[in-house]
Amino acid sequence: SGELFGICCLLNTVFRIADVIFAILVVFSVLMILVAAYMFITAGGTPDNVNKARNYILYALVGLIVAFLARALPGIVRMLVT
């Protein structure tokens, strides 16, 4: 019974940490997309600046993918543990 309680508390902690990571990564990714949009607007057709803006968008999308994986991880852990 005590072991089950410990696993429950551990899973709740993992869920909370995953929620915080998810929120931080989503906010950061949205900010990066806004920065990239500004860079596109102000690039003036300069290939270097346009490529830099595209890279920011790519990194932001990778961040969103990581955020959604972090959100799914606790469910996977719960399936494996219980």
Protein backbone atom coordinates (compact mmCIF):
# COMPACT_ATOMS: atom_id res chain seq x y z
CA SER A 1 0.00 0.00 0.00
CA GLY A 2 2.81 2.40 0.87
CA GLU A 3 4.63 1.58 -2.36
CA LEU A 4 1.52 2.37 -4.40
CA PHE A 5 1.23 5.72 -2.62
CA GLY A 6 4.85 6.52 -3.50
CA ILE A 7 4.27 5.71 -7.18
CA CYS A 8 1.16 7.90 -7.18
CA CYS A 9 3.07 10.85 -5.73
CA LEU A 10 5.91 10.31 -8.20
CA LEU A 11 3.47 10.30 -11.12
CA ASN A 12 1.78 13.47 -9.87
CA THR A 13 5.18 15.15 -9.68
CA VAL A 14 6.04 14.03 -13.22
CA PHE A 15 2.68 15.37 -14.45
CA ARG A 16 3.25 18.74 -12.81
CA ILE A 17 6.78 19.05 -14.20
CA ALA A 18 5.54 18.08 -17.68
CA ASP A 19 2.78 20.71 -17.47
CA VAL A 20 5.29 23.42 -16.56
CA ILE A 21 7.68 22.37 -19.34
CA PHE A 22 4.80 22.29 -21.82
CA ALA A 23 3.64 25.78 -20.90
CA ILE A 24 7.15 27.26 -21.05
CA LEU A 25 7.96 25.65 -24.41
CA VAL A 26 4.66 26.71 -25.98
CA VAL A 27 5.08 30.32 -24.83
CA PHE A 28 8.70 30.41 -25.99
CA SER A 29 7.81 28.87 -29.37
CA VAL A 30 5.04 31.40 -29.95
CA LEU A 31 7.42 34.24 -29.09
CA MET A 32 10.00 32.84 -31.52
CA ILE A 33 7.37 32.67 -34.27
CA LEU A 34 6.48 36.32 -33.61
CA VAL A 35 10.15 37.29 -33.74
CA ALA A 36 10.55 35.37 -37.00
CA ALA A 37 7.50 37.11 -38.46
CA TYR A 38 9.00 40.47 -37.55
CA MET A 39 12.28 39.41 -39.14
CA PHE A 40 10.45 38.41 -42.34
CA ILE A 41 8.69 41.76 -42.47
CA THR A 42 11.87 43.74 -41.91
CA ALA A 43 14.16 41.53 -44.03
CA GLY A 44 13.66 43.67 -47.13
CA GLY A 45 14.35 40.67 -49.35
CA THR A 46 17.86 40.14 -47.98
CA PRO A 47 18.52 36.40 -48.35
CA ASP A 48 20.53 36.15 -45.12
CA ASN A 49 17.77 37.72 -43.05
CA VAL A 50 15.07 35.64 -44.73
CA ASN A 51 17.04 32.45 -44.04
CA LYS A 52 17.53 33.50 -40.43
CA ALA A 53 13.78 34.07 -40.06
CA ARG A 54 13.04 30.65 -41.61
CA ASN A 55 15.47 29.02 -39.20
CA TYR A 56 13.72 30.69 -36.26
CA ILE A 57 10.41 29.29 -37.46
CA LEU A 58 11.96 25.84 -37.87
CA TYR A 59 13.38 25.98 -34.34
CA ALA A 60 10.03 27.15 -32.98
CA LEU A 61 8.27 24.21 -34.64
CA VAL A 62 10.83 21.81 -33.19
CA GLY A 63 10.15 23.43 -29.80
CA LEU A 64 6.43 22.81 -30.22
CA ILE A 65 7.07 19.18 -31.10
CA VAL A 66 9.22 18.80 -27.99
CA ALA A 67 6.48 20.48 -25.94
CA PHE A 68 3.85 18.03 -27.14
CA LEU A 69 6.20 15.11 -26.49
CA ALA A 70 6.75 16.42 -22.97
CA ARG A 71 2.98 16.58 -22.59
CA ALA A 72 2.59 12.96 -23.75
CA LEU A 73 5.46 11.58 -21.65
CA PRO A 74 3.54 11.30 -18.34
CA GLY A 75 0.84 9.22 -20.02
CA ILE A 76 3.47 6.89 -21.41
CA VAL A 77 5.11 6.64 -17.98
CA ARG A 78 1.74 5.89 -16.37
CA MET A 79 1.12 3.09 -18.88
CA LEU A 80 4.53 1.56 -18.20
CA VAL A 81 4.37 1.85 -14.41
CA THR A 82 0.81 0.72 -13.75
